[in-house]
Amino acid sequence: MLLRTDKPKIKWREEFTLPAKPDTWGNPEPLGTRSVSTDGRVSITEREVSPERGIIFNSWAVAPGDPKGRYVIRVFIEGVLASVFEFDVQ
């Protein structure tokens, strides 16, 4: 995600919602914090990063045991909803 900022550090939050609870959310978050909703469908990752040329990013991969259906990723920058990504896993 490209940001227009002069700030040396940016706080972002990602809310990743799956259609059903996955078998696992993977390894612990190495660079920030991750929590999972009580129903297991939403992973919330928070980090503070230094944008390289205004770019911040994160990545996920579909793994065995991940549910089929609509996935939604909501990204917040400094507490403000910046973007929503939606896609289907079949």
C-alpha atoms as a PDB file:
ATOM      1  CA  MET A   1       0.000   0.000   0.000  1.00  0.00           C
ATOM      2  CA  LEU A   2       1.446   3.359  -1.006  1.00  0.00           C
ATOM      3  CA  LEU A   3       1.199   6.145   1.566  1.00  0.00           C
ATOM      4  CA  ARG A   4       1.922   9.827   1.226  1.00  0.00           C
ATOM      5  CA  THR A   5       3.590  10.679   4.500  1.00  0.00           C
ATOM      6  CA  ASP A   6       6.727  12.159   5.966  1.00  0.00           C
ATOM      7  CA  LYS A   7       6.322  10.248   9.224  1.00  0.00           C
ATOM      8  CA  PRO A   8       9.263   7.997  10.064  1.00  0.00           C
ATOM      9  CA  LYS A   9       6.932   5.412  11.690  1.00  0.00           C
ATOM     10  CA  ILE A  10       3.382   4.335  10.800  1.00  0.00           C
ATOM     11  CA  LYS A  11       0.984   2.293  12.938  1.00  0.00           C
ATOM     12  CA  TRP A  12      -1.231  -0.043  10.965  1.00  0.00           C
ATOM     13  CA  ARG A  13      -3.872  -2.589  11.867  1.00  0.00           C
ATOM     14  CA  GLU A  14      -5.164  -5.394   9.683  1.00  0.00           C
ATOM     15  CA  GLU A  15      -8.447  -7.187  10.350  1.00  0.00           C
ATOM     16  CA  PHE A  16      -8.539 -10.389   8.306  1.00  0.00           C
ATOM     17  CA  THR A  17     -11.969 -12.058   8.315  1.00  0.00           C
ATOM     18  CA  LEU A  18     -12.540 -15.586   7.010  1.00  0.00           C
ATOM     19  CA  PRO A  19     -15.909 -17.238   6.301  1.00  0.00           C
ATOM     20  CA  ALA A  20     -15.193 -19.890   8.967  1.00  0.00           C
ATOM     21  CA  LYS A  21     -12.512 -20.686  11.525  1.00  0.00           C
ATOM     22  CA  PRO A  22      -9.321 -21.999   9.851  1.00  0.00           C
ATOM     23  CA  ASP A  23      -7.385 -24.999  11.156  1.00  0.00           C
ATOM     24  CA  THR A  24      -4.639 -22.563  12.209  1.00  0.00           C
ATOM     25  CA  TRP A  25      -3.678 -18.909  11.883  1.00  0.00           C
ATOM     26  CA  GLY A  26      -0.052 -19.958  11.406  1.00  0.00           C
ATOM     27  CA  ASN A  27       3.039 -19.001  13.342  1.00  0.00           C
ATOM     28  CA  PRO A  28       3.039 -16.233  15.955  1.00  0.00           C
ATOM     29  CA  GLU A  29       3.365 -12.667  14.660  1.00  0.00           C
ATOM     30  CA  PRO A  30       7.137 -11.914  14.694  1.00  0.00           C
ATOM     31  CA  LEU A  31       7.023  -8.150  14.071  1.00  0.00           C
ATOM     32  CA  GLY A  32       3.995  -6.923  15.997  1.00  0.00           C
ATOM     33  CA  THR A  33       0.976  -8.363  17.760  1.00  0.00           C
ATOM     34  CA  ARG A  34      -1.768 -10.690  16.589  1.00  0.00           C
ATOM     35  CA  SER A  35      -5.000 -11.572  18.318  1.00  0.00           C
ATOM     36  CA  VAL A  36      -7.816 -13.821  17.159  1.00  0.00           C
ATOM     37  CA  SER A  37     -11.530 -13.284  17.757  1.00  0.00           C
ATOM     38  CA  THR A  38     -13.352 -15.636  20.123  1.00  0.00           C
ATOM     39  CA  ASP A  39     -15.095 -17.357  17.190  1.00  0.00           C
ATOM     40  CA  GLY A  40     -11.713 -17.861  15.467  1.00  0.00           C
ATOM     41  CA  ARG A  41     -12.779 -16.168  12.212  1.00  0.00           C
ATOM     42  CA  VAL A  42     -10.914 -12.848  12.566  1.00  0.00           C
ATOM     43  CA  SER A  43      -7.188 -12.268  12.945  1.00  0.00           C
ATOM     44  CA  ILE A  44      -6.130  -8.786  14.051  1.00  0.00           C
ATOM     45  CA  THR A  45      -2.517  -7.863  13.364  1.00  0.00           C
ATOM     46  CA  GLU A  46      -0.961  -4.603  14.536  1.00  0.00           C
ATOM     47  CA  ARG A  47       2.467  -3.256  13.676  1.00  0.00           C
ATOM     48  CA  GLU A  48       4.484  -0.079  13.743  1.00  0.00           C
ATOM     49  CA  VAL A  49       6.716   0.176  10.677  1.00  0.00           C
ATOM     50  CA  SER A  50       9.005   2.561   8.828  1.00  0.00           C
ATOM     51  CA  PRO A  51       7.571   2.980   5.331  1.00  0.00           C
ATOM     52  CA  GLU A  52      10.153   2.445   2.582  1.00  0.00           C
ATOM     53  CA  ARG A  53       9.458   5.141  -0.031  1.00  0.00           C
ATOM     54  CA  GLY A  54       5.945   5.370   1.405  1.00  0.00           C
ATOM     55  CA  ILE A  55       5.227   1.648   0.977  1.00  0.00           C
ATOM     56  CA  ILE A  56       3.914  -0.683   3.678  1.00  0.00           C
ATOM     57  CA  PHE A  57       2.883  -4.284   3.116  1.00  0.00           C
ATOM     58  CA  ASN A  58       1.883  -7.597   4.595  1.00  0.00           C
ATOM     59  CA  SER A  59       1.235 -10.969   2.999  1.00  0.00           C
ATOM     60  CA  TRP A  60      -0.808 -14.092   3.586  1.00  0.00           C
ATOM     61  CA  ALA A  61      -1.048 -17.431   1.799  1.00  0.00           C
ATOM     62  CA  VAL A  62      -3.924 -19.870   1.502  1.00  0.00           C
ATOM     63  CA  ALA A  63      -2.999 -23.057   3.352  1.00  0.00           C
ATOM     64  CA  PRO A  64      -4.477 -26.539   3.688  1.00  0.00           C
ATOM     65  CA  GLY A  65      -7.442 -26.360   6.064  1.00  0.00           C
ATOM     66  CA  ASP A  66      -8.351 -22.775   5.161  1.00  0.00           C
ATOM     67  CA  PRO A  67     -12.094 -22.453   4.539  1.00  0.00           C
ATOM     68  CA  LYS A  68     -13.629 -21.743   1.157  1.00  0.00           C
ATOM     69  CA  GLY A  69     -15.635 -18.569   0.670  1.00  0.00           C
ATOM     70  CA  ARG A  70     -15.299 -14.782   0.934  1.00  0.00           C
ATOM     71  CA  TYR A  71     -12.218 -13.340   2.655  1.00  0.00           C
ATOM     72  CA  VAL A  72     -12.089  -9.685   3.740  1.00  0.00           C
ATOM     73  CA  ILE A  73      -9.006  -7.718   4.786  1.00  0.00           C
ATOM     74  CA  ARG A  74      -9.557  -4.276   6.318  1.00  0.00           C
ATOM     75  CA  VAL A  75      -6.460  -2.101   6.721  1.00  0.00           C
ATOM     76  CA  PHE A  76      -6.336   0.823   9.138  1.00  0.00           C
ATOM     77  CA  ILE A  77      -3.557   3.421   9.061  1.00  0.00           C
ATOM     78  CA  GLU A  78      -3.141   5.440  12.253  1.00  0.00           C
ATOM     79  CA  GLY A  79      -6.629   4.298  13.339  1.00  0.00           C
ATOM     80  CA  VAL A  80      -8.402   5.266  10.095  1.00  0.00           C
ATOM     81  CA  LEU A  81      -9.827   2.711   7.641  1.00  0.00           C
ATOM     82  CA  ALA A  82      -7.587   3.050   4.577  1.00  0.00           C
ATOM     83  CA  SER A  83      -8.566   0.128   2.362  1.00  0.00           C
ATOM     84  CA  VAL A  84     -10.681  -3.010   2.128  1.00  0.00           C
ATOM     85  CA  PHE A  85      -9.625  -6.032   0.084  1.00  0.00           C
ATOM     86  CA  GLU A  86     -12.131  -8.790  -0.686  1.00  0.00           C
ATOM     87  CA  PHE A  87     -11.556 -12.057  -2.521  1.00  0.00           C
ATOM     88  CA  ASP A  88     -13.003 -15.550  -2.778  1.00  0.00           C
ATOM     89  CA  VAL A  89     -11.202 -18.821  -2.078  1.00  0.00           C
ATOM     90  CA  GLN A  90     -12.675 -21.790  -3.928  1.00  0.00           C
END
